[in-house]
Protein backbone atom coordinates (compact mmCIF):
# COMPACT_ATOMS: atom_id res chain seq x y z
CA MET A 1 0.13 0.02 0.01
CA LYS A 2 1.28 3.50 -0.90
CA PRO A 3 -0.06 7.00 -0.76
CA SER A 4 -1.81 8.61 -3.56
CA ARG A 5 -0.97 11.84 -5.04
CA LEU A 6 -3.78 13.56 -3.37
CA LEU A 7 -2.58 12.51 0.08
CA LEU A 8 0.79 13.77 -0.59
CA ILE A 9 -0.31 17.11 -2.01
CA TRP A 10 -2.30 17.68 1.20
CA LEU A 11 0.58 16.59 3.52
CA ALA A 12 3.06 18.90 1.46
CA LEU A 13 0.68 21.83 1.51
CA LEU A 14 -0.06 21.67 5.44
CA LEU A 15 3.66 21.06 5.94
CA ALA A 16 4.46 24.09 4.03
CA ILE A 17 2.08 26.15 5.74
CA GLY A 18 3.36 24.99 9.17
CA ILE A 19 7.03 25.79 8.02
CA VAL A 20 6.04 29.29 6.81
CA LEU A 21 4.24 30.03 10.09
CA GLY A 22 7.08 28.75 12.16
CA ALA A 23 9.60 30.70 10.18
CA LEU A 24 7.52 33.92 10.48
CA ARG A 25 7.37 33.39 14.27
CA ALA A 26 11.08 32.95 14.60
CA LEU A 27 11.61 36.20 12.76
CA ASP A 28 9.44 37.83 15.43
CA ILE A 29 6.69 38.69 13.03
CA ALA A 30 3.21 38.38 14.64
CA VAL A 31 1.18 35.49 13.59
CA PRO A 32 -2.12 34.69 15.12
CA SER A 33 -1.98 31.56 17.41
CA THR A 34 -5.38 30.41 15.64
CA LEU A 35 -3.60 29.99 12.43
CA LEU A 36 -1.16 27.65 13.94
CA SER A 37 -3.91 25.63 15.82
CA ILE A 38 -6.05 25.53 12.53
CA ASN A 39 -2.99 24.13 10.59
CA TRP A 40 -2.08 21.51 13.27
CA GLY A 41 -5.88 20.43 13.35
CA LEU A 42 -6.11 20.00 9.76
CA LEU A 43 -2.86 18.00 9.70
CA LEU A 44 -4.08 15.68 12.35
CA ALA A 45 -7.52 15.33 10.68
CA LEU A 46 -5.75 14.51 7.51
CA LEU A 47 -3.71 11.82 9.38
CA ALA A 48 -6.91 10.48 11.13
CA LEU A 49 -8.66 10.33 7.71
CA ALA A 50 -5.62 8.56 6.06
CA ILE A 51 -5.69 5.93 8.69
CA LEU A 52 -9.42 5.41 8.49
CA ASP A 53 -9.08 5.13 4.70
CA ALA A 54 -6.20 2.80 4.92
CA VAL A 55 -8.24 0.57 7.11
CA ARG A 56 -11.30 0.62 4.83
CA LEU A 57 -9.05 -0.10 1.88
CA LYS A 58 -7.39 -3.22 3.38
CA ARG A 59 -10.91 -4.52 4.17
CA LEU A 60 -12.03 -4.19 0.33
CA PRO A 61 -12.30 -7.53 -1.38
CA SER A 62 -9.85 -8.00 -4.45
CA PRO A 63 -11.65 -8.18 -7.86
CA ARG A 64 -11.48 -11.38 -9.55
CA ILE A 65 -9.56 -11.59 -13.00
CA THR A 66 -9.92 -14.07 -15.65
CA ARG A 67 -7.43 -14.08 -18.51
CA GLN A 68 -8.49 -15.42 -21.90
CA MET A 69 -5.49 -15.84 -24.53
CA PRO A 70 -4.88 -18.24 -27.39
CA GLY A 71 -3.25 -21.52 -26.36
CA SER A 72 -0.78 -21.05 -29.15
CA LEU A 73 0.95 -18.04 -30.46
CA ALA A 74 2.99 -17.44 -33.77
CA LEU A 75 6.40 -15.89 -33.36
CA GLY A 76 6.51 -12.28 -34.30
CA ARG A 77 2.71 -11.90 -34.58
CA TRP A 78 0.45 -9.68 -32.64
CA SER A 79 -2.39 -11.42 -30.60
CA GLU A 80 -5.04 -10.20 -28.27
CA VAL A 81 -5.33 -11.01 -24.78
CA GLN A 82 -8.84 -10.43 -22.97
CA LEU A 83 -8.91 -9.74 -19.19
CA GLU A 84 -12.59 -10.15 -17.58
CA VAL A 85 -12.84 -8.39 -14.09
CA GLU A 86 -15.57 -9.46 -11.78
CA HIS A 87 -16.21 -7.42 -8.36
CA ASP A 88 -18.49 -6.93 -5.66
CA PHE A 89 -18.01 -2.89 -5.22
CA PRO A 90 -21.63 -1.22 -4.72
CA GLN A 91 -20.07 2.13 -6.04
CA PRO A 92 -18.13 2.83 -9.34
CA LEU A 93 -14.48 2.38 -9.01
CA THR A 94 -11.36 2.94 -11.38
CA ILE A 95 -8.74 0.51 -11.05
CA ARG A 96 -5.39 -0.02 -12.78
CA ILE A 97 -4.27 -3.54 -14.11
CA PHE A 98 -0.86 -4.58 -15.02
CA ASP A 99 -0.46 -8.19 -16.34
CA HIS A 100 2.81 -9.80 -15.54
CA VAL A 101 4.04 -10.89 -18.82
CA PRO A 102 6.79 -13.54 -18.95
CA ASP A 103 10.19 -12.24 -20.51
CA GLY A 104 10.31 -13.10 -24.30
CA LEU A 105 6.93 -11.53 -24.86
CA THR A 106 6.54 -7.92 -25.74
CA PHE A 107 3.06 -6.10 -24.94
CA GLU A 108 1.20 -3.11 -25.88
CA ASN A 109 -1.45 -1.00 -23.83
CA LEU A 110 -0.25 -1.88 -20.60
CA PRO A 111 -1.13 -0.76 -17.77
CA LEU A 112 -4.88 -0.67 -18.22
CA SER A 113 -7.12 1.86 -16.55
CA VAL A 114 -10.57 0.17 -15.99
CA GLU A 115 -13.78 1.66 -14.82
CA LEU A 116 -15.88 -0.84 -12.70
CA GLN A 117 -19.50 -0.41 -12.64
CA PRO A 118 -21.81 -2.05 -9.74
CA ASP A 119 -23.19 -5.41 -10.71
CA ARG A 120 -21.54 -5.50 -14.04
CA HIS A 121 -18.44 -7.68 -15.44
CA THR A 122 -16.07 -5.58 -17.26
CA ARG A 123 -13.77 -6.65 -20.08
CA THR A 124 -10.60 -5.18 -21.20
CA GLY A 125 -7.45 -6.35 -23.23
CA TYR A 126 -4.01 -5.74 -24.48
CA ARG A 127 -1.86 -6.89 -27.30
CA LEU A 128 0.98 -9.50 -27.03
CA ARG A 129 3.72 -10.23 -29.42
CA PRO A 130 6.43 -13.18 -28.90
CA LEU A 131 9.92 -12.51 -29.52
CA LYS A 132 11.17 -16.02 -29.07
CA ARG A 133 9.55 -19.72 -29.19
CA GLY A 134 8.88 -21.99 -26.40
CA HIS A 135 6.54 -22.60 -23.40
CA PHE A 136 5.52 -19.60 -21.29
CA THR A 137 3.73 -19.39 -17.95
CA PHE A 138 1.70 -16.57 -16.63
CA GLU A 139 1.38 -16.36 -12.90
CA HIS A 140 0.27 -12.95 -11.57
CA CYS A 141 -1.74 -9.88 -12.74
CA GLU A 142 -1.06 -6.83 -10.59
CA ILE A 143 -4.15 -4.69 -9.45
CA ASN A 144 -3.68 -1.02 -8.02
CA LEU A 145 -6.83 -0.64 -6.02
CA PRO A 146 -7.83 2.92 -4.90
CA SER A 147 -9.18 3.57 -1.38
CA PRO A 148 -12.75 5.00 -0.87
CA LEU A 149 -11.22 8.43 -0.08
CA GLY A 150 -8.68 8.30 -2.64
CA LEU A 151 -5.78 8.75 -0.22
CA TRP A 152 -4.09 5.24 -0.70
CA SER A 153 -3.39 2.79 -3.49
CA ASP A 154 -3.04 -0.90 -2.73
CA LYS A 155 -1.34 -3.21 -4.89
CA ARG A 156 -2.77 -6.67 -5.13
CA LEU A 157 -1.25 -9.78 -6.74
CA PRO A 158 -4.01 -12.45 -7.57
CA ASN A 159 -2.79 -15.66 -8.94
CA VAL A 160 -4.04 -15.75 -12.37
CA PRO A 161 -2.14 -18.98 -13.98
CA ASP A 162 -2.10 -19.64 -17.72
CA HIS A 163 0.16 -21.32 -20.31
CA THR A 164 0.95 -20.68 -23.93
CA ARG A 165 3.18 -22.00 -26.44
CA VAL A 166 4.96 -20.03 -29.10
CA TYR A 167 5.36 -21.79 -32.42
CA PRO A 168 7.30 -20.76 -35.37
CA ASP A 169 5.28 -18.40 -37.84
CA PHE A 170 3.39 -21.08 -39.57
CA ALA A 171 0.22 -18.86 -40.25
CA ARG A 172 1.23 -18.32 -43.67
CA LEU A 173 1.54 -22.20 -44.21
CA TYR A 174 -2.26 -22.74 -43.55
CA GLY A 175 -3.15 -19.51 -45.39
CA GLY A 176 -1.97 -21.44 -48.53
CA GLN A 177 -5.09 -23.61 -48.16
CA LEU A 178 -7.28 -20.78 -49.22
CA LEU A 179 -5.50 -20.61 -52.60
CA ALA A 180 -4.88 -22.97 -55.38
CA VAL A 181 -1.56 -24.62 -54.86
CA ASP A 182 0.27 -23.38 -58.17
CA ASN A 183 -1.01 -19.75 -57.64
CA TRP A 184 0.22 -19.94 -53.93
CA LEU A 185 3.70 -21.36 -54.72
CA SER A 186 4.02 -18.66 -57.57
CA GLN A 187 3.15 -16.09 -54.99
CA LEU A 188 5.84 -17.40 -52.62
CA GLY A 189 8.52 -17.07 -55.61
CA VAL A 190 8.72 -20.79 -56.33
CA ARG A 191 9.64 -21.63 -59.79
CA GLN A 192 8.15 -24.87 -61.28
CA ARG A 193 10.26 -26.15 -64.15
CA GLN A 194 9.19 -28.23 -67.06
CA ARG A 195 9.03 -31.87 -66.12
CA ARG A 196 11.52 -34.25 -67.77
CA GLY A 197 9.87 -37.35 -68.78
CA LEU A 198 7.33 -39.16 -66.98
CA GLY A 199 6.44 -39.70 -63.40
CA LEU A 200 7.43 -43.00 -61.75
CA GLU A 201 3.93 -44.09 -60.27
CA PHE A 202 1.32 -45.53 -62.18
CA HIS A 203 -2.03 -43.68 -61.81
CA GLN A 204 -4.56 -44.94 -64.29
CA LEU A 205 -5.54 -46.19 -67.67
CA ARG A 206 -7.38 -43.82 -70.03
CA GLU A 207 -7.89 -43.31 -73.92
CA PHE A 208 -4.91 -42.14 -75.99
CA ARG A 209 -5.19 -38.50 -76.66
CA GLU A 210 -3.28 -36.25 -79.23
CA GLY A 211 -0.01 -35.43 -77.85
CA ASP A 212 0.63 -38.64 -75.85
CA SER A 213 3.88 -40.45 -76.25
CA LEU A 214 3.74 -43.93 -78.08
CA ARG A 215 5.48 -45.33 -74.92
CA GLN A 216 2.52 -44.52 -72.88
CA ILE A 217 0.41 -46.96 -74.99
CA ASP A 218 -0.76 -50.18 -72.89
CA TRP A 219 -0.74 -52.76 -75.84
CA LYS A 220 -2.60 -55.53 -73.80
CA ALA A 221 -5.54 -52.88 -72.76
CA THR A 222 -5.45 -51.60 -76.53
CA ALA A 223 -5.98 -55.13 -77.76
CA ARG A 224 -8.78 -55.70 -75.30
CA GLN A 225 -10.50 -52.55 -75.95
CA ARG A 226 -9.64 -52.45 -79.71
CA THR A 227 -8.83 -48.72 -79.26
CA PRO A 228 -5.62 -47.03 -78.00
CA ILE A 229 -5.28 -47.07 -74.27
CA ALA A 230 -2.62 -45.08 -72.56
CA ARG A 231 -1.20 -45.26 -69.14
CA GLU A 232 -1.07 -42.22 -66.97
CA TYR A 233 1.57 -41.99 -64.68
CA GLN A 234 1.96 -39.28 -61.68
CA ASP A 235 4.93 -38.24 -59.45
CA GLU A 236 5.74 -40.97 -56.73
CA ARG A 237 3.89 -40.02 -53.63
CA ASP A 238 5.40 -42.50 -51.19
CA GLN A 239 8.66 -40.69 -50.65
CA GLN A 240 10.53 -39.68 -47.46
CA ILE A 241 12.31 -36.40 -46.44
CA ILE A 242 14.46 -35.99 -43.37
CA PHE A 243 15.63 -32.69 -42.16
CA MET A 244 18.91 -32.63 -40.49
CA LEU A 245 18.68 -29.23 -38.51
CA ASP A 246 21.96 -27.76 -37.33
CA CYS A 247 21.22 -26.29 -33.83
CA GLY A 248 24.71 -25.11 -33.21
CA ARG A 249 26.33 -21.67 -32.70
CA ARG A 250 26.38 -20.91 -36.42
CA MET A 251 22.78 -20.81 -36.50
CA ARG A 252 22.61 -17.97 -33.88
CA SER A 253 23.48 -15.02 -36.30
CA GLN A 254 20.62 -12.54 -36.35
CA ASP A 255 18.83 -11.38 -39.42
CA GLY A 256 16.30 -8.80 -38.44
CA GLU A 257 14.21 -9.87 -35.41
CA LEU A 258 14.69 -13.63 -36.33
CA ALA A 259 17.96 -15.62 -35.76
CA HIS A 260 19.26 -17.89 -38.54
CA PHE A 261 17.84 -20.91 -36.53
CA ASP A 262 14.21 -19.48 -36.64
CA HIS A 263 14.67 -18.71 -40.41
CA ALA A 264 15.57 -22.44 -40.84
CA LEU A 265 12.74 -23.75 -38.95
CA ASN A 266 10.30 -21.70 -40.97
CA ALA A 267 11.81 -22.90 -44.34
CA CYS A 268 11.75 -26.50 -43.04
CA LEU A 269 7.97 -26.04 -42.12
CA LEU A 270 7.21 -24.55 -45.42
CA LEU A 271 8.74 -27.39 -47.31
CA SER A 272 7.06 -29.91 -44.82
CA TYR A 273 3.66 -28.45 -45.69
CA ILE A 274 4.35 -28.74 -49.29
CA ALA A 275 5.70 -32.17 -49.26
CA LEU A 276 2.83 -33.58 -46.95
CA ARG A 277 0.35 -32.27 -49.53
CA GLN A 278 2.20 -34.11 -52.23
CA GLY A 279 1.82 -37.32 -50.40
CA ASP A 280 5.40 -37.73 -49.23
CA ALA A 281 6.58 -38.32 -45.44
CA VAL A 282 8.45 -35.86 -43.46
CA GLY A 283 10.85 -36.33 -40.67
CA LEU A 284 13.45 -34.26 -38.53
CA SER A 285 16.70 -35.07 -37.03
CA THR A 286 18.50 -32.21 -34.91
CA PHE A 287 22.24 -32.19 -34.00
CA ALA A 288 24.74 -29.83 -32.09
CA VAL A 289 22.24 -29.99 -29.28
CA GLU A 290 22.51 -31.39 -25.67
CA GLN A 291 19.50 -33.65 -26.29
CA PRO A 292 19.05 -34.45 -29.90
CA ARG A 293 15.66 -34.83 -31.29
CA TYR A 294 14.38 -37.44 -33.93
CA LEU A 295 10.86 -37.53 -35.63
CA ALA A 296 10.47 -40.36 -37.83
CA PRO A 297 8.97 -39.72 -41.49
CA VAL A 298 5.24 -39.98 -41.40
CA LYS A 299 2.73 -38.98 -44.16
CA GLY A 300 -0.45 -37.00 -43.54
CA ALA A 301 -1.63 -33.52 -42.74
CA GLY A 302 -1.50 -34.18 -39.05
CA GLN A 303 2.37 -34.84 -39.30
CA LEU A 304 2.81 -30.98 -39.49
CA ASN A 305 1.32 -30.45 -36.13
CA VAL A 306 3.40 -33.31 -34.72
CA LEU A 307 6.62 -31.41 -36.30
CA LEU A 308 5.56 -27.94 -34.90
CA ASN A 309 5.10 -29.54 -31.23
CA THR A 310 8.40 -31.29 -31.68
CA VAL A 311 10.41 -27.92 -32.70
CA TYR A 312 8.34 -25.10 -30.97
CA ASP A 313 10.63 -24.90 -27.88
CA LEU A 314 13.75 -26.00 -29.78
CA ASN A 315 16.68 -23.23 -29.48
CA SER A 316 20.19 -22.96 -30.88
CA THR A 317 23.14 -23.87 -28.71
CA GLN A 318 26.94 -22.66 -28.32
CA ARG A 319 27.98 -26.06 -29.58
CA SER A 320 29.91 -26.63 -32.73
CA ALA A 321 28.42 -28.79 -35.35
CA ASP A 322 29.47 -32.49 -35.36
CA TYR A 323 28.41 -33.51 -39.00
CA GLN A 324 30.14 -37.12 -38.54
CA ALA A 325 28.14 -37.90 -35.42
CA ALA A 326 24.96 -36.42 -36.87
CA ALA A 327 25.55 -38.68 -40.05
CA THR A 328 26.01 -41.61 -37.82
CA GLN A 329 22.86 -41.11 -35.78
CA LEU A 330 20.71 -40.71 -38.77
CA LEU A 331 22.11 -43.72 -40.68
CA VAL A 332 21.35 -45.86 -37.52
CA ARG A 333 17.54 -44.58 -37.24
CA GLN A 334 16.71 -44.11 -40.95
CA LYS A 335 17.17 -47.22 -43.16
CA ARG A 336 14.96 -46.28 -46.09
CA ARG A 337 16.21 -44.24 -48.93
CA SER A 338 15.21 -40.76 -48.36
CA LEU A 339 15.93 -37.05 -49.34
CA VAL A 340 18.05 -35.71 -46.38
CA VAL A 341 18.00 -31.88 -46.29
CA LEU A 342 21.01 -30.63 -44.22
CA VAL A 343 20.31 -27.14 -43.16
CA THR A 344 23.40 -25.41 -41.60
CA ASN A 345 25.79 -22.42 -42.20
CA LEU A 346 28.80 -23.65 -43.92
CA ARG A 347 32.34 -22.30 -43.28
CA ASP A 348 35.56 -23.17 -45.11
CA GLU A 349 37.03 -25.18 -42.26
CA ASP A 350 33.95 -27.53 -42.86
CA ASP A 351 35.56 -28.94 -46.13
CA GLU A 352 36.83 -32.43 -45.16
CA GLU A 353 34.48 -33.21 -42.34
CA LEU A 354 31.16 -32.29 -43.98
CA LEU A 355 32.21 -34.07 -47.31
CA THR A 356 33.17 -37.23 -45.46
CA ALA A 357 29.72 -37.07 -43.70
CA VAL A 358 27.77 -36.25 -46.78
CA LYS A 359 29.43 -39.25 -48.79
CA ARG A 360 28.47 -41.65 -46.08
CA LEU A 361 24.82 -40.44 -46.12
CA SER A 362 24.82 -40.48 -49.94
CA LYS A 363 25.76 -44.06 -50.02
CA GLN A 364 21.90 -44.66 -48.82
CA HIS A 365 19.99 -41.37 -49.38
CA ARG A 366 19.89 -38.50 -51.59
CA VAL A 367 21.40 -35.53 -49.90
CA LEU A 368 21.01 -31.72 -50.34
CA VAL A 369 23.03 -29.28 -48.27
CA ALA A 370 21.29 -25.85 -47.65
CA SER A 371 23.69 -23.37 -46.59
CA LEU A 372 22.27 -20.11 -44.97
CA ARG A 373 23.96 -16.75 -45.89
CA GLU A 374 23.88 -13.73 -43.90
CA ASN A 375 21.99 -10.85 -45.57
CA VAL A 376 24.39 -8.30 -44.12
CA LEU A 377 27.08 -9.91 -46.47
CA ASP A 378 25.07 -9.10 -49.51
CA SER A 379 24.47 -5.46 -48.16
CA LEU A 380 28.31 -4.99 -47.47
CA ARG A 381 29.33 -6.29 -50.74
CA GLN A 382 27.17 -3.69 -52.41
CA THR A 383 27.89 -0.61 -50.36
CA THR A 384 30.01 2.23 -51.82
CA VAL A 385 33.63 2.41 -50.38
CA GLN A 386 34.86 5.82 -49.46
CA THR A 387 37.22 5.48 -46.35
CA LEU A 388 39.76 3.16 -45.34
CA SER A 389 37.68 1.46 -42.79
CA GLU A 390 34.90 0.83 -45.41
CA ALA A 391 37.56 -0.51 -47.73
CA LEU A 392 38.77 -3.05 -45.08
CA VAL A 393 35.31 -4.32 -44.43
CA TYR A 394 34.63 -4.48 -47.86
CA CYS A 395 37.69 -6.46 -48.82
CA GLY A 396 36.98 -8.77 -45.83
CA THR A 397 33.36 -9.58 -46.80
CA VAL A 398 34.40 -10.37 -50.31
CA ASP A 399 37.26 -12.68 -49.18
CA PHE A 400 34.85 -14.46 -46.97
CA LEU A 401 32.24 -14.85 -49.70
CA ASN A 402 34.99 -16.01 -52.04
CA ALA A 403 36.13 -18.81 -49.57
CA ARG A 404 32.55 -19.72 -49.02
CA ALA A 405 31.90 -20.04 -52.84
CA GLU A 406 35.33 -22.03 -53.17
CA LEU A 407 33.82 -24.57 -50.52
CA HIS A 408 30.41 -24.88 -52.37
CA GLU A 409 32.33 -25.58 -55.66
CA ARG A 410 34.54 -28.26 -54.04
CA LEU A 411 31.35 -30.02 -52.67
CA ASN A 412 29.57 -29.72 -56.07
CA ALA A 413 32.87 -31.21 -57.59
CA HIS A 414 32.31 -34.30 -55.31
CA GLY A 415 28.79 -34.64 -56.22
CA VAL A 416 27.30 -32.82 -53.14
CA PRO A 417 24.41 -30.50 -54.24
CA VAL A 418 24.66 -27.17 -52.31
CA LEU A 419 21.85 -24.85 -52.15
CA ASP A 420 23.15 -21.35 -50.96
CA ALA A 421 20.48 -18.89 -49.97
CA SER A 422 19.80 -15.80 -47.83
CA THR A 423 17.39 -16.17 -44.95
CA HIS A 424 14.66 -14.65 -47.00
CA GLU A 425 15.22 -16.75 -50.10
CA LEU A 426 15.74 -20.20 -48.24
CA GLY A 427 12.23 -21.31 -48.12
CA ALA A 428 11.20 -20.66 -51.82
CA ALA A 429 14.55 -22.10 -52.89
CA LEU A 430 14.07 -25.26 -51.02
CA VAL A 431 10.63 -25.86 -52.37
CA THR A 432 11.89 -25.06 -56.03
CA ARG A 433 14.66 -27.68 -55.66
CA TYR A 434 12.39 -30.28 -54.10
CA LEU A 435 9.81 -29.99 -56.84
CA GLU A 436 12.52 -30.07 -59.43
CA TRP A 437 13.80 -33.24 -58.18
CA LYS A 438 10.53 -34.96 -57.55
CA LYS A 439 9.45 -34.22 -61.03
CA ALA A 440 12.60 -35.49 -62.53
CA GLY A 441 12.44 -38.53 -60.32
CA VAL A 442 16.07 -38.28 -58.77
CA PHE A 443 15.15 -39.27 -55.29
């Protein structure tokens, strides 16, 4: 409980009057004794009212607060949190509410000033925006309750427990369901290339049409029907994709509000959504983390929710990436041939270790190395050089990018495909490469 501004103003005023009257008497200036008596009487009366008001405030029941918020939030997106206040006050009362928001969440419109009316429930709210993923717990909601005479303010901390999970920004993934798949992919910048040859999985028999290849004719069916019958194929649907996600220190670079690790997660979820809609199975394997996580490839739309629940609280670490150990772990768990997408941030010192690990994986799986590139590197390479310090930064940037490009060329020379993309390009680039390989039947 603390004094209100009204009480402090009255105390300051009466004390100031008392000091002035005392100073006048010290200077032998005649001051009516009644003024001193009145001043002291007012001061004592104020103190008595303050004590009475404090007692009445302590006896007031605390308002009851209920918090209504989504059970899951998307990283970086604003959401509404509603607070419902119940009370037993017979008179209108204005209170201030401050919700104790956990670290990692930012907010707007707090604290709240709420006017309570008798026999009515009051609803109010504020906005919430997550800055990191994970599981968050709300415990208290602070209420500043004014006294009946307005001389005091009492802080109440009722327990209002709540829990929420912050997932990667997957809202745009579900937004794709509202559009045709082809239009949605083109809006994302995905380029679908002309298909080479035919699909690998038989779909159906149908009548031969103009433009069909003679190789599509099913001669047995043609003989039975006495009319040309063609075989129709579709892309093989029963394929598997495994994401090998680097959770080490190289994924901690920041581009905008998100780290490379969050950009990588969003790109993996985007490709997962596309692959699951294509009828393929999607799984996950993490490394460079204290407790590696593995999710076996499974088909179906429900696998996306399983994947989200697996990675929502996953964070990058200070560990270095051990590609050999990650490859061994995956080879033990994943026996069937799959498309393995290794998402990391390559450095020139990774040459031998990474090449050895990928060659081991390539004996059993089709491997794609997706290397994230910092956006700041592209910006520094395009800046105008005018000073010595800018020239040094520019030369260092170009030297780093050249070493990075040489590593990619060496990997490509050994038959290891490398996808080099910035954080904002990674998602569309992965989907483009996946569709290209799937239609070409290379995995």
